[in-house]
Amino acid sequence: MGDGHGMPSAISRGMKLNRMNAPRGAPLSPGALALALCLGLGSTTALAAADEPPVAKGTVLVEGPIDTLNIPGTAKRISCEGPFCLWLVVEELGPCFYGLCTNKFMVLSDLEGKFMGASRSLDSWTESTPRFIDAEHVEVVSRNTNYPFTAVDDGLDPTQVSRTVLKVSRDGTRFTQAPSLTPTWTKPGSRRMGSSVAPKPPEPRVVSAELLARARALCPTDVTFNPVDYACGDGTCLLLLTESEPKSGPDAGREEATAKPTFEVEGPFCSVMVKGEDVELASLGGDATSVRVTPTGYAFSGPVGMRGSTEVMEWVSRARPGYMSFSDTEGVVVNGSNPYPVRFAESAKAALALAPTVQAFTLAHVTWGLADWKGPTDLAFAWRLARVGEALALIAEVHDDKVVPLGKGTGLHSDHLELTFPRPSVSPSHTIKVGVLLTAGGKVEARDWTGEANPVLPSIQGTWRKRPHGYEVSLTLPLAALGVEKSARASYFSLAVSDADARGKQETLMGHDGELRFWTEYPPSIAEYRGSSPWPWN
């Protein structure tokens, strides 16, 4: 996300890096220590990373409270496989530092609980789930939504998911890195979330005395506001003012947008939109205490982080005044759908080309039947969704080592898709659940699984076909059939894939749930965004 969308502020980012790079028990850098003590944020122990094992080799682990090498903690046995057992050891650090209150470890013991020596620290900032794949391999799946830092809304789901595979030595004394394959999709995205194509910066502008007077007349009168930046694009201009001292010299009021580097200005702020002869107050800045001005955007920051720390609240476009600064969606691959921007075009092909791809390939997305899930080759999938007229176009690619189409019965125990949408308030059911079944001849059959009757939904049409790694489904979903209003700004949505490697037995469900956002254009205007989400950091 160009210009650093969604990243922690400089202060919080520095804290995190110091903690992650320092060995456990090592002294803090003078800067980190001084910062911690100055802010009065509690124990500084949490800044130290946890690299060495939490207990001595040969220690017999028992579930419950234990004494680690440094501080008290707890131990929990996760599972046993072959000659070894996998444990989670958590050290309690006492008073928290910026939300980090523990050190977490994955350790290996024999079947009697004796620690064998293999140990790996887990990132305490993320949700990490370790488990045995088999007697010789352990996987660690980490899921991070940027907590405890504020996740800036850039239009896409911020969830990061990673999968690490470790090989267990024969004597149980160490873990070593093993290959961990990520599925490749037939129509892969060209970029991962976090990258974008930067628009051309606007040309520099001069703030006239008349415009400055009109802008000041709209701003609060208890502060003398002076121009900071004036940028125009698509016939609209944005003038940003602050209480700081005005510029002086021959270039006063002139912003060298194409040459001047990024700079930061303190608030309070006032901003106005200028279109032709019209000048009106813009709802920017709000509770922001500072703004970072880049060639293409404004990053407003305020006290929205942990313990009132300053973090970026939202990004607004400078290249296109009056609009939000969101990530591009075309070719992007993400790990969740909260939110999911629904792109639109005249044809399904064109609309789906703009849509971001949402993937699921780890246990973080398995919602049911984890014990039967063997890994990404057993079940993984990716999907894209877009709007064409009054219908949604959906394409889902499923990796499945054994495809089981519809046989007899309701189809629950065959390979299928499950879609859930909210019902209108007048409906007795709050949601509608649609089962999409793989029938003969490459056709799909959609059924209403909300109640017991399971009627066919003929208005939902689609096809399916086998692929080298599984199958692919293409669907056309009329909004009316789903109960989604034509003017809806947002809608709950969930998509799950069900795996049945043997007909007659549903084994695993893997999926996403989140919110579809139906912007009239993407990125949305500030006015449309404000009307949909008045608090963008929620």
Protein backbone atom coordinates (compact mmCIF):
# COMPACT_ATOMS: atom_id res chain seq x y z
CA MET A 1 0.00 0.00 0.00
CA GLY A 2 1.92 2.93 -1.32
CA ASP A 3 3.13 5.48 1.22
CA GLY A 4 2.84 3.00 4.10
CA HIS A 5 -0.90 2.39 4.44
CA GLY A 6 -1.87 0.30 7.44
CA MET A 7 1.55 0.39 9.08
CA PRO A 8 2.10 1.28 12.74
CA SER A 9 3.30 4.75 13.56
CA ALA A 10 7.01 5.44 13.75
CA ILE A 11 7.04 5.17 17.54
CA SER A 12 5.09 1.92 17.76
CA ARG A 13 7.00 0.45 14.83
CA GLY A 14 10.29 1.18 16.57
CA MET A 15 9.10 -0.48 19.79
CA LYS A 16 8.13 -3.60 17.92
CA LEU A 17 11.42 -3.91 16.06
CA ASN A 18 13.50 -3.43 19.22
CA ARG A 19 11.55 -6.14 21.01
CA MET A 20 11.61 -8.59 18.12
CA ASN A 21 15.35 -8.30 17.43
CA ALA A 22 16.76 -8.40 20.96
CA PRO A 23 17.62 -11.77 22.59
CA ARG A 24 15.68 -12.61 25.73
CA GLY A 25 17.32 -11.19 28.79
CA ALA A 26 19.58 -8.88 26.78
CA PRO A 27 19.71 -5.20 27.79
CA LEU A 28 17.53 -2.85 25.78
CA SER A 29 18.99 -0.30 23.45
CA PRO A 30 19.32 3.08 25.17
CA GLY A 31 16.66 4.55 22.87
CA ALA A 32 14.12 1.81 23.55
CA LEU A 33 14.77 1.87 27.30
CA ALA A 34 14.51 5.64 27.50
CA LEU A 35 11.33 5.62 25.47
CA ALA A 36 9.74 2.94 27.65
CA LEU A 37 10.63 4.71 30.87
CA CYS A 38 9.61 8.09 29.52
CA LEU A 39 6.19 6.85 28.46
CA GLY A 40 5.70 4.97 31.71
CA LEU A 41 4.17 2.01 29.94
CA GLY A 42 5.09 -0.67 32.47
CA SER A 43 7.49 -3.56 32.36
CA THR A 44 10.30 -3.33 29.79
CA THR A 45 10.89 -7.09 29.94
CA ALA A 46 8.47 -7.56 27.08
CA LEU A 47 10.74 -5.66 24.71
CA ALA A 48 13.20 -8.56 24.78
CA ALA A 49 12.71 -11.34 22.27
CA ALA A 50 12.52 -14.94 23.45
CA ASP A 51 15.13 -17.04 21.60
CA GLU A 52 16.53 -19.45 24.18
CA PRO A 53 14.42 -22.39 25.49
CA PRO A 54 12.13 -21.50 28.39
CA VAL A 55 13.20 -24.52 30.50
CA ALA A 56 16.35 -26.59 30.91
CA LYS A 57 16.77 -29.73 28.84
CA GLY A 58 15.48 -32.76 30.73
CA THR A 59 12.85 -30.79 32.67
CA VAL A 60 9.65 -32.79 33.07
CA LEU A 61 6.73 -30.71 31.84
CA VAL A 62 3.32 -30.91 33.46
CA GLU A 63 0.18 -29.09 32.44
CA GLY A 64 -0.45 -25.98 34.49
CA PRO A 65 1.83 -23.48 36.27
CA ILE A 66 5.59 -24.03 35.87
CA ASP A 67 8.78 -22.15 36.68
CA THR A 68 10.70 -21.25 33.53
CA LEU A 69 14.36 -20.23 33.51
CA ASN A 70 13.48 -16.63 34.27
CA ILE A 71 9.88 -16.07 35.33
CA PRO A 72 6.71 -18.02 36.13
CA GLY A 73 4.63 -19.41 33.30
CA THR A 74 2.21 -22.12 32.24
CA ALA A 75 2.53 -25.23 30.11
CA LYS A 76 -0.11 -26.93 27.98
CA ARG A 77 0.31 -30.13 26.00
CA ILE A 78 -1.01 -29.68 22.48
CA SER A 79 -0.80 -33.25 21.15
CA CYS A 80 1.45 -36.29 20.81
CA GLU A 81 2.61 -38.02 17.63
CA GLY A 82 4.97 -40.99 17.49
CA PRO A 83 7.61 -40.69 20.24
CA PHE A 84 7.09 -36.97 20.92
CA CYS A 85 4.61 -34.53 22.45
CA LEU A 86 4.20 -30.89 21.46
CA TRP A 87 3.75 -28.27 24.19
CA LEU A 88 2.91 -24.59 24.42
CA VAL A 89 4.82 -22.74 27.14
CA VAL A 90 3.75 -19.20 28.00
CA GLU A 91 5.83 -16.89 30.21
CA GLU A 92 3.76 -14.24 31.99
CA LEU A 93 5.64 -10.93 31.91
CA GLY A 94 3.63 -9.04 34.49
CA PRO A 95 2.76 -5.40 33.73
CA CYS A 96 2.27 -5.11 29.98
CA PHE A 97 4.33 -3.03 27.61
CA TYR A 98 2.19 -1.78 24.73
CA GLY A 99 -0.13 -4.76 24.88
CA LEU A 100 2.60 -7.43 24.94
CA CYS A 101 2.27 -9.42 28.14
CA THR A 102 3.76 -12.84 27.33
CA ASN A 103 6.57 -14.80 25.73
CA LYS A 104 5.32 -17.91 23.89
CA PHE A 105 7.23 -21.06 22.98
CA MET A 106 6.59 -24.33 21.22
CA VAL A 107 8.67 -27.11 22.79
CA LEU A 108 9.05 -30.87 22.34
CA SER A 109 9.04 -33.59 25.00
CA ASP A 110 8.99 -37.36 25.06
CA LEU A 111 5.79 -39.19 25.93
CA GLU A 112 6.56 -38.82 29.66
CA GLY A 113 6.86 -35.04 29.36
CA LYS A 114 10.68 -34.73 29.51
CA PHE A 115 11.85 -31.71 27.51
CA MET A 116 14.02 -33.00 24.65
CA GLY A 117 15.58 -29.68 23.62
CA ALA A 118 13.65 -28.67 20.51
CA SER A 119 12.21 -25.21 21.09
CA ARG A 120 10.91 -22.39 18.95
CA SER A 121 9.67 -19.00 20.05
CA LEU A 122 6.29 -17.88 18.74
CA ASP A 123 5.44 -14.30 17.90
CA SER A 124 3.34 -12.98 20.78
CA TRP A 125 1.86 -10.30 18.53
CA THR A 126 0.07 -12.86 16.35
CA GLU A 127 -2.29 -15.80 16.76
CA SER A 128 0.06 -18.76 16.28
CA THR A 129 -1.27 -22.32 16.13
CA PRO A 130 1.28 -25.17 16.16
CA ARG A 131 0.36 -28.80 15.45
CA PHE A 132 1.86 -32.07 14.24
CA ILE A 133 1.46 -32.84 10.54
CA ASP A 134 2.99 -36.26 11.15
CA ALA A 135 5.54 -37.74 13.55
CA GLU A 136 8.41 -35.93 11.80
CA HIS A 137 6.89 -32.56 10.94
CA VAL A 138 5.25 -29.69 12.81
CA GLU A 139 3.46 -26.75 11.23
CA VAL A 140 2.94 -23.31 12.73
CA VAL A 141 0.17 -21.17 11.26
CA SER A 142 0.22 -17.51 12.24
CA ARG A 143 -2.67 -15.12 11.72
CA ASN A 144 -2.21 -11.40 12.25
CA THR A 145 -4.72 -8.56 11.89
CA ASN A 146 -2.19 -5.88 12.96
CA TYR A 147 -3.33 -5.98 16.63
CA PRO A 148 -2.60 -4.15 18.89
CA PHE A 149 -1.84 -1.46 16.33
CA THR A 150 -4.63 0.38 14.57
CA ALA A 151 -5.41 -1.17 11.18
CA VAL A 152 -5.99 1.69 8.78
CA ASP A 153 -8.87 1.03 6.41
CA ASP A 154 -7.33 0.84 2.94
CA GLY A 155 -10.29 -0.93 1.35
CA LEU A 156 -9.02 -4.50 1.81
CA ASP A 157 -8.92 -7.07 4.59
CA PRO A 158 -5.64 -6.57 6.51
CA THR A 159 -5.32 -10.19 7.70
CA GLN A 160 -1.90 -11.75 7.17
CA VAL A 161 -1.61 -15.54 7.28
CA SER A 162 1.63 -17.53 7.15
CA ARG A 163 2.44 -21.23 7.37
CA THR A 164 5.81 -22.58 8.51
CA VAL A 165 6.73 -26.27 8.36
CA LEU A 166 9.47 -27.60 10.68
CA LYS A 167 11.18 -30.97 10.62
CA VAL A 168 11.73 -32.69 13.97
CA SER A 169 15.18 -34.24 14.47
CA ARG A 170 15.21 -37.94 15.27
CA ASP A 171 16.40 -37.30 18.84
CA GLY A 172 13.92 -34.45 19.39
CA THR A 173 16.62 -31.89 20.15
CA ARG A 174 15.90 -29.40 17.38
CA PHE A 175 13.49 -28.09 14.77
CA THR A 176 14.77 -27.29 11.27
CA GLN A 177 13.02 -25.41 8.49
CA ALA A 178 11.30 -27.57 5.87
CA PRO A 179 9.71 -26.62 2.53
CA SER A 180 6.26 -25.07 2.94
CA LEU A 181 4.34 -24.80 -0.31
CA THR A 182 1.75 -22.11 -0.89
CA PRO A 183 -0.90 -22.98 -3.47
CA THR A 184 -0.62 -21.32 -6.87
CA TRP A 185 -3.85 -20.36 -8.56
CA THR A 186 -4.72 -20.74 -12.22
CA LYS A 187 -5.37 -17.00 -12.50
CA PRO A 188 -2.94 -15.67 -9.91
CA GLY A 189 -2.82 -12.09 -8.73
CA SER A 190 0.11 -10.02 -9.91
CA ARG A 191 0.60 -8.41 -6.49
CA ARG A 192 0.20 -9.32 -2.88
CA MET A 193 -1.68 -6.98 -0.57
CA GLY A 194 0.63 -4.19 0.46
CA SER A 195 1.70 -3.01 -2.98
CA SER A 196 -0.02 -0.54 -5.25
CA VAL A 197 0.57 1.52 -8.34
CA ALA A 198 1.26 5.10 -7.24
CA PRO A 199 -0.76 7.72 -9.18
CA LYS A 200 0.97 10.70 -10.72
CA PRO A 201 1.40 13.49 -8.14
CA PRO A 202 -0.57 16.70 -8.83
CA GLU A 203 1.10 19.81 -10.19
CA PRO A 204 2.04 22.55 -7.68
CA ARG A 205 -0.56 25.28 -7.01
CA VAL A 206 -0.59 28.80 -5.61
CA VAL A 207 -3.03 29.83 -2.86
CA SER A 208 -4.41 33.26 -3.72
CA ALA A 209 -5.21 35.81 -1.04
CA GLU A 210 -8.90 35.65 -1.99
CA LEU A 211 -9.04 31.85 -1.63
CA LEU A 212 -7.19 31.97 1.69
CA ALA A 213 -9.67 34.54 3.03
CA ARG A 214 -12.67 32.44 1.96
CA ALA A 215 -11.13 29.31 3.49
CA ARG A 216 -10.41 31.03 6.80
CA ALA A 217 -14.00 32.27 6.93
CA LEU A 218 -15.15 28.62 6.92
CA CYS A 219 -12.65 27.41 9.53
CA PRO A 220 -13.01 27.83 13.33
CA THR A 221 -12.40 31.44 14.27
CA ASP A 222 -10.47 30.81 17.49
CA VAL A 223 -7.39 29.77 15.48
CA THR A 224 -5.56 31.55 12.68
CA PHE A 225 -5.14 28.90 10.00
CA ASN A 226 -2.37 29.06 7.41
CA PRO A 227 -1.98 27.02 4.19
CA VAL A 228 0.08 23.85 4.30
CA ASP A 229 -0.73 22.22 0.98
CA TYR A 230 -2.92 22.95 -2.04
CA ALA A 231 -3.40 20.18 -4.60
CA CYS A 232 -5.82 19.70 -7.49
CA GLY A 233 -6.99 16.83 -9.68
CA ASP A 234 -10.04 15.92 -11.79
CA GLY A 235 -11.38 19.46 -11.48
CA THR A 236 -11.37 19.48 -7.66
CA CYS A 237 -8.82 20.98 -5.27
CA LEU A 238 -8.11 20.43 -1.59
CA LEU A 239 -6.60 23.15 0.56
CA LEU A 240 -5.13 21.95 3.84
CA LEU A 241 -4.51 24.52 6.57
CA THR A 242 -3.01 24.36 10.03
CA GLU A 243 -2.23 26.62 12.97
CA SER A 244 1.50 26.47 12.20
CA GLU A 245 3.35 29.53 10.97
CA PRO A 246 2.80 30.48 7.31
CA LYS A 247 5.51 30.06 4.69
CA SER A 248 7.57 33.08 3.74
CA GLY A 249 9.60 34.09 0.70
CA PRO A 250 8.91 34.10 -3.04
CA ASP A 251 7.38 30.60 -3.00
CA ALA A 252 4.89 31.29 -0.19
CA GLY A 253 1.68 29.37 -0.74
CA ARG A 254 3.27 27.25 -3.45
CA GLU A 255 3.62 23.48 -2.91
CA GLU A 256 6.34 21.84 -4.98
CA ALA A 257 4.40 18.56 -5.17
CA THR A 258 6.63 16.84 -7.70
CA ALA A 259 9.90 17.57 -5.94
CA LYS A 260 9.29 18.13 -2.25
CA PRO A 261 9.79 14.99 -0.13
CA THR A 262 7.30 13.70 2.40
CA PHE A 263 6.88 15.98 5.41
CA GLU A 264 4.79 16.02 8.59
CA VAL A 265 2.78 18.88 10.09
CA GLU A 266 1.18 19.24 13.50
CA GLY A 267 -2.51 20.14 13.96
CA PRO A 268 -5.10 21.43 14.55
CA PHE A 269 -6.26 21.30 10.94
CA CYS A 270 -8.87 22.80 8.71
CA SER A 271 -9.45 21.68 5.13
CA VAL A 272 -11.65 22.99 2.35
CA MET A 273 -12.68 21.60 -1.03
CA VAL A 274 -12.54 23.94 -4.02
CA LYS A 275 -14.46 23.21 -7.20
CA GLY A 276 -14.77 26.08 -9.64
CA GLU A 277 -16.10 29.03 -7.67
CA ASP A 278 -17.47 26.82 -4.89
CA VAL A 279 -15.53 26.54 -1.62
CA GLU A 280 -16.84 24.31 1.16
CA LEU A 281 -15.54 22.84 4.39
CA ALA A 282 -14.19 19.28 4.11
CA SER A 283 -14.56 16.75 6.92
CA LEU A 284 -10.87 15.90 7.16
CA GLY A 285 -8.52 15.85 10.10
CA GLY A 286 -11.16 15.44 12.79
CA ASP A 287 -9.31 14.44 15.96
CA ALA A 288 -6.00 14.18 14.10
CA THR A 289 -2.98 15.67 15.82
CA SER A 290 -0.65 15.46 12.82
CA VAL A 291 -0.68 14.77 9.10
CA ARG A 292 2.01 13.28 6.90
CA VAL A 293 1.90 14.84 3.42
CA THR A 294 3.25 12.68 0.61
CA PRO A 295 3.25 13.32 -3.15
CA THR A 296 0.05 11.27 -3.51
CA GLY A 297 -1.75 11.31 -0.15
CA TYR A 298 -2.43 12.64 3.34
CA ALA A 299 -1.97 10.36 6.35
CA PHE A 300 -3.90 11.75 9.31
CA SER A 301 -2.72 10.51 12.72
CA GLY A 302 -4.25 10.79 16.16
CA PRO A 303 -4.40 9.21 19.65
CA VAL A 304 -6.16 6.01 18.53
CA GLY A 305 -3.48 3.45 19.47
CA MET A 306 -2.77 1.51 22.64
CA ARG A 307 -2.79 3.74 25.73
CA GLY A 308 -3.55 6.77 23.59
CA SER A 309 -0.49 6.44 21.40
CA THR A 310 -0.45 8.25 18.07
CA GLU A 311 -1.13 6.14 15.00
CA VAL A 312 -2.37 6.71 11.48
CA MET A 313 -6.17 7.02 11.40
CA GLU A 314 -6.87 7.24 7.69
CA TRP A 315 -5.37 7.98 4.28
CA VAL A 316 -6.91 10.53 1.93
CA SER A 317 -5.88 10.97 -1.68
CA ARG A 318 -3.85 14.00 -2.71
CA ALA A 319 -3.70 12.96 -6.35
CA ARG A 320 -7.51 12.85 -6.46
CA PRO A 321 -8.85 15.38 -3.93
CA GLY A 322 -12.14 14.43 -2.33
CA TYR A 323 -11.47 10.69 -2.41
CA MET A 324 -10.04 8.10 -0.07
CA SER A 325 -6.62 6.61 -0.72
CA PHE A 326 -7.23 2.85 -0.93
CA SER A 327 -5.13 -0.03 -2.20
CA ASP A 328 -5.54 -1.17 -5.76
CA THR A 329 -7.60 -4.34 -6.09
CA GLU A 330 -6.61 -5.62 -9.51
CA GLY A 331 -4.29 -8.60 -9.21
CA VAL A 332 -4.14 -8.43 -5.40
CA VAL A 333 -4.30 -11.62 -3.26
CA VAL A 334 -5.61 -11.29 0.31
CA ASN A 335 -6.39 -13.70 3.14
CA GLY A 336 -9.81 -12.47 4.24
CA SER A 337 -12.97 -10.67 3.13
CA ASN A 338 -13.62 -8.15 5.88
CA PRO A 339 -14.00 -5.87 4.04
CA TYR A 340 -14.27 -6.97 0.40
CA PRO A 341 -14.79 -4.21 -2.20
CA VAL A 342 -17.21 -5.36 -4.92
CA ARG A 343 -15.87 -4.02 -8.22
CA PHE A 344 -18.21 -3.63 -11.17
CA ALA A 345 -18.04 -3.43 -14.96
CA GLU A 346 -20.14 -4.07 -18.06
CA SER A 347 -19.13 -7.74 -18.31
CA ALA A 348 -18.28 -10.48 -15.83
CA LYS A 349 -14.83 -10.90 -17.38
CA ALA A 350 -13.98 -7.22 -17.00
CA ALA A 351 -15.43 -6.96 -13.48
CA LEU A 352 -13.68 -10.08 -12.19
CA ALA A 353 -10.38 -8.84 -13.63
CA LEU A 354 -10.64 -5.89 -11.21
CA ALA A 355 -11.64 -8.01 -8.20
CA PRO A 356 -9.17 -8.99 -5.48
CA THR A 357 -8.54 -12.70 -4.94
CA VAL A 358 -9.26 -14.12 -1.47
CA GLN A 359 -7.40 -17.33 -0.61
CA ALA A 360 -7.64 -20.01 2.09
CA PHE A 361 -4.99 -22.68 2.46
CA THR A 362 -4.24 -23.11 6.18
CA LEU A 363 -5.96 -24.31 9.33
CA ALA A 364 -6.72 -20.65 10.11
CA HIS A 365 -9.58 -20.92 7.60
CA VAL A 366 -10.85 -24.40 8.55
CA THR A 367 -14.14 -23.82 10.33
CA TRP A 368 -15.16 -27.45 10.84
CA GLY A 369 -13.53 -30.88 10.52
CA LEU A 370 -9.93 -29.93 11.23
CA ALA A 371 -9.10 -33.48 12.30
CA ASP A 372 -9.94 -34.70 8.79
CA TRP A 373 -8.06 -31.94 6.97
CA LYS A 374 -4.69 -33.18 5.71
CA GLY A 375 -3.27 -29.94 4.39
CA PRO A 376 -3.47 -27.60 1.37
CA THR A 377 -3.43 -30.47 -1.13
CA ASP A 378 -6.49 -31.96 0.59
CA LEU A 379 -8.48 -28.70 0.47
CA ALA A 380 -7.62 -25.10 -0.36
CA PHE A 381 -9.43 -22.51 -2.43
CA ALA A 382 -9.49 -18.97 -3.77
CA TRP A 383 -12.34 -16.81 -5.03
CA ARG A 384 -13.23 -13.51 -6.65
CA LEU A 385 -16.56 -11.71 -6.72
CA ALA A 386 -17.78 -8.71 -8.71
CA ARG A 387 -21.00 -6.98 -9.77
CA VAL A 388 -22.44 -6.91 -13.28
CA GLY A 389 -25.74 -5.02 -13.47
CA GLU A 390 -28.16 -6.45 -10.92
CA ALA A 391 -26.21 -9.68 -10.35
CA LEU A 392 -23.00 -10.85 -8.74
CA ALA A 393 -20.42 -12.86 -10.66
CA LEU A 394 -18.41 -15.36 -8.60
CA ILE A 395 -15.54 -17.60 -9.57
CA ALA A 396 -14.03 -20.10 -7.10
CA GLU A 397 -11.00 -22.31 -7.71
CA VAL A 398 -10.79 -25.30 -5.37
CA HIS A 399 -7.74 -27.48 -4.78
CA ASP A 400 -9.09 -30.91 -3.87
CA ASP A 401 -7.22 -34.18 -4.23
CA LYS A 402 -10.46 -36.10 -4.77
CA VAL A 403 -13.49 -34.47 -6.39
CA VAL A 404 -16.85 -35.95 -5.34
CA PRO A 405 -19.79 -34.51 -7.37
CA LEU A 406 -23.42 -34.71 -6.36
CA GLY A 407 -24.89 -38.18 -5.94
CA LYS A 408 -28.23 -38.80 -4.29
CA GLY A 409 -29.79 -36.81 -1.45
CA THR A 410 -29.42 -33.17 -0.44
CA GLY A 411 -25.81 -32.93 -1.57
CA LEU A 412 -24.52 -32.11 1.91
CA HIS A 413 -22.15 -35.07 1.79
CA SER A 414 -20.62 -34.26 -1.60
CA ASP A 415 -18.15 -31.55 -2.61
CA HIS A 416 -19.99 -28.22 -2.71
CA LEU A 417 -19.97 -24.50 -1.95
CA GLU A 418 -22.00 -22.81 0.78
CA LEU A 419 -22.91 -19.12 0.47
CA THR A 420 -24.64 -17.07 3.16
CA PHE A 421 -26.29 -13.65 2.74
CA PRO A 422 -28.50 -11.62 5.11
CA ARG A 423 -32.25 -11.75 4.55
CA PRO A 424 -34.40 -8.58 4.45
CA SER A 425 -35.76 -7.61 7.85
CA VAL A 426 -39.26 -8.79 6.87
CA SER A 427 -38.04 -12.37 6.43
CA PRO A 428 -38.55 -14.83 9.32
CA SER A 429 -34.95 -15.98 8.83
CA HIS A 430 -32.07 -13.56 9.30
CA THR A 431 -29.96 -15.18 6.58
CA ILE A 432 -30.29 -17.22 3.41
CA LYS A 433 -27.91 -20.15 2.97
CA VAL A 434 -27.30 -21.38 -0.56
CA GLY A 435 -25.77 -24.77 -1.34
CA VAL A 436 -24.04 -24.93 -4.74
CA LEU A 437 -23.80 -28.54 -5.92
CA LEU A 438 -21.70 -30.08 -8.70
CA THR A 439 -24.08 -31.93 -11.00
CA ALA A 440 -23.60 -33.98 -14.16
CA GLY A 441 -22.61 -32.33 -17.42
CA GLY A 442 -20.66 -29.48 -15.82
CA LYS A 443 -23.77 -27.75 -14.50
CA VAL A 444 -24.36 -26.55 -10.94
CA GLU A 445 -27.53 -26.72 -8.92
CA ALA A 446 -28.25 -24.08 -6.29
CA ARG A 447 -30.51 -25.01 -3.38
CA ASP A 448 -31.93 -22.98 -0.54
CA TRP A 449 -30.53 -24.67 2.57
CA THR A 450 -32.01 -22.12 4.98
CA GLY A 451 -34.80 -24.45 6.12
CA GLU A 452 -35.74 -28.09 5.79
CA ALA A 453 -37.36 -28.04 2.33
CA ASN A 454 -34.12 -27.40 0.35
CA PRO A 455 -35.85 -26.04 -2.78
CA VAL A 456 -33.91 -25.49 -6.00
CA LEU A 457 -33.09 -21.84 -6.83
CA PRO A 458 -33.33 -21.76 -10.64
CA SER A 459 -32.37 -18.08 -10.91
CA ILE A 460 -28.83 -18.89 -9.72
CA GLN A 461 -26.96 -20.30 -12.69
CA GLY A 462 -23.43 -21.56 -13.16
CA THR A 463 -21.00 -24.17 -14.37
CA TRP A 464 -18.16 -26.24 -12.98
CA ARG A 465 -15.23 -28.10 -14.47
CA LYS A 466 -12.40 -30.27 -13.25
CA ARG A 467 -8.92 -28.76 -13.07
CA PRO A 468 -5.51 -30.42 -12.56
CA HIS A 469 -5.63 -29.78 -8.79
CA GLY A 470 -9.40 -29.95 -8.21
CA TYR A 471 -12.23 -27.99 -9.78
CA GLU A 472 -13.50 -24.51 -10.66
CA VAL A 473 -16.99 -23.04 -10.22
CA SER A 474 -18.44 -19.99 -12.01
CA LEU A 475 -21.74 -18.52 -10.77
CA THR A 476 -24.22 -15.77 -11.60
CA LEU A 477 -26.12 -14.66 -8.50
CA PRO A 478 -29.04 -12.25 -9.02
CA LEU A 479 -29.20 -9.76 -6.15
CA ALA A 480 -32.96 -10.19 -5.93
CA ALA A 481 -32.63 -13.94 -5.36
CA LEU A 482 -30.28 -13.28 -2.46
CA GLY A 483 -32.40 -10.58 -0.84
CA VAL A 484 -29.68 -7.94 -1.37
CA GLU A 485 -31.13 -4.51 -2.08
CA LYS A 486 -29.99 -2.79 -5.27
CA SER A 487 -28.92 0.30 -3.29
CA ALA A 488 -27.15 -1.63 -0.53
CA ARG A 489 -23.87 -0.08 0.61
CA ALA A 490 -22.71 -3.19 2.44
CA SER A 491 -23.79 -6.75 3.07
CA TYR A 492 -22.64 -9.61 5.26
CA PHE A 493 -21.30 -12.50 3.19
CA SER A 494 -19.72 -15.86 3.84
CA LEU A 495 -18.33 -18.43 1.43
CA ALA A 496 -17.29 -21.92 2.48
CA VAL A 497 -16.11 -24.96 0.54
CA SER A 498 -17.08 -28.40 1.79
CA ASP A 499 -14.86 -31.40 1.15
CA ALA A 500 -16.10 -34.99 1.01
CA ASP A 501 -13.35 -37.34 -0.09
CA ALA A 502 -15.79 -40.24 0.18
CA ARG A 503 -19.40 -39.90 -0.97
CA GLY A 504 -21.74 -39.90 2.00
CA LYS A 505 -19.39 -38.13 4.45
CA GLN A 506 -18.83 -34.42 4.82
CA GLU A 507 -15.28 -34.09 6.16
CA THR A 508 -14.11 -30.48 6.20
CA LEU A 509 -15.44 -26.94 5.85
CA MET A 510 -13.06 -24.12 4.95
CA GLY A 511 -14.14 -20.56 4.37
CA HIS A 512 -14.29 -16.80 4.88
CA ASP A 513 -16.89 -14.48 6.28
CA GLY A 514 -16.89 -10.72 6.10
CA GLU A 515 -18.54 -7.68 4.58
CA LEU A 516 -19.13 -6.86 0.93
CA ARG A 517 -18.84 -3.14 0.20
CA PHE A 518 -20.77 -1.84 -2.78
CA TRP A 519 -19.00 1.45 -3.52
CA THR A 520 -20.40 3.51 -6.41
CA GLU A 521 -16.78 3.98 -7.48
CA TYR A 522 -13.47 2.73 -6.16
CA PRO A 523 -11.79 4.20 -4.22
CA PRO A 524 -14.91 5.88 -2.80
CA SER A 525 -15.36 9.58 -2.34
CA ILE A 526 -14.80 10.90 1.18
CA ALA A 527 -18.52 11.74 1.40
CA GLU A 528 -19.59 8.20 0.47
CA TYR A 529 -17.04 6.70 2.84
CA ARG A 530 -18.16 8.92 5.71
CA GLY A 531 -21.76 7.88 5.12
CA SER A 532 -20.84 4.20 5.19
CA SER A 533 -18.22 4.17 7.96
CA PRO A 534 -18.11 7.28 10.17
CA TRP A 535 -15.34 5.74 12.28
CA PRO A 536 -12.88 4.26 9.74
CA TRP A 537 -10.65 2.67 12.38
CA ASN A 538 -13.48 0.45 13.74
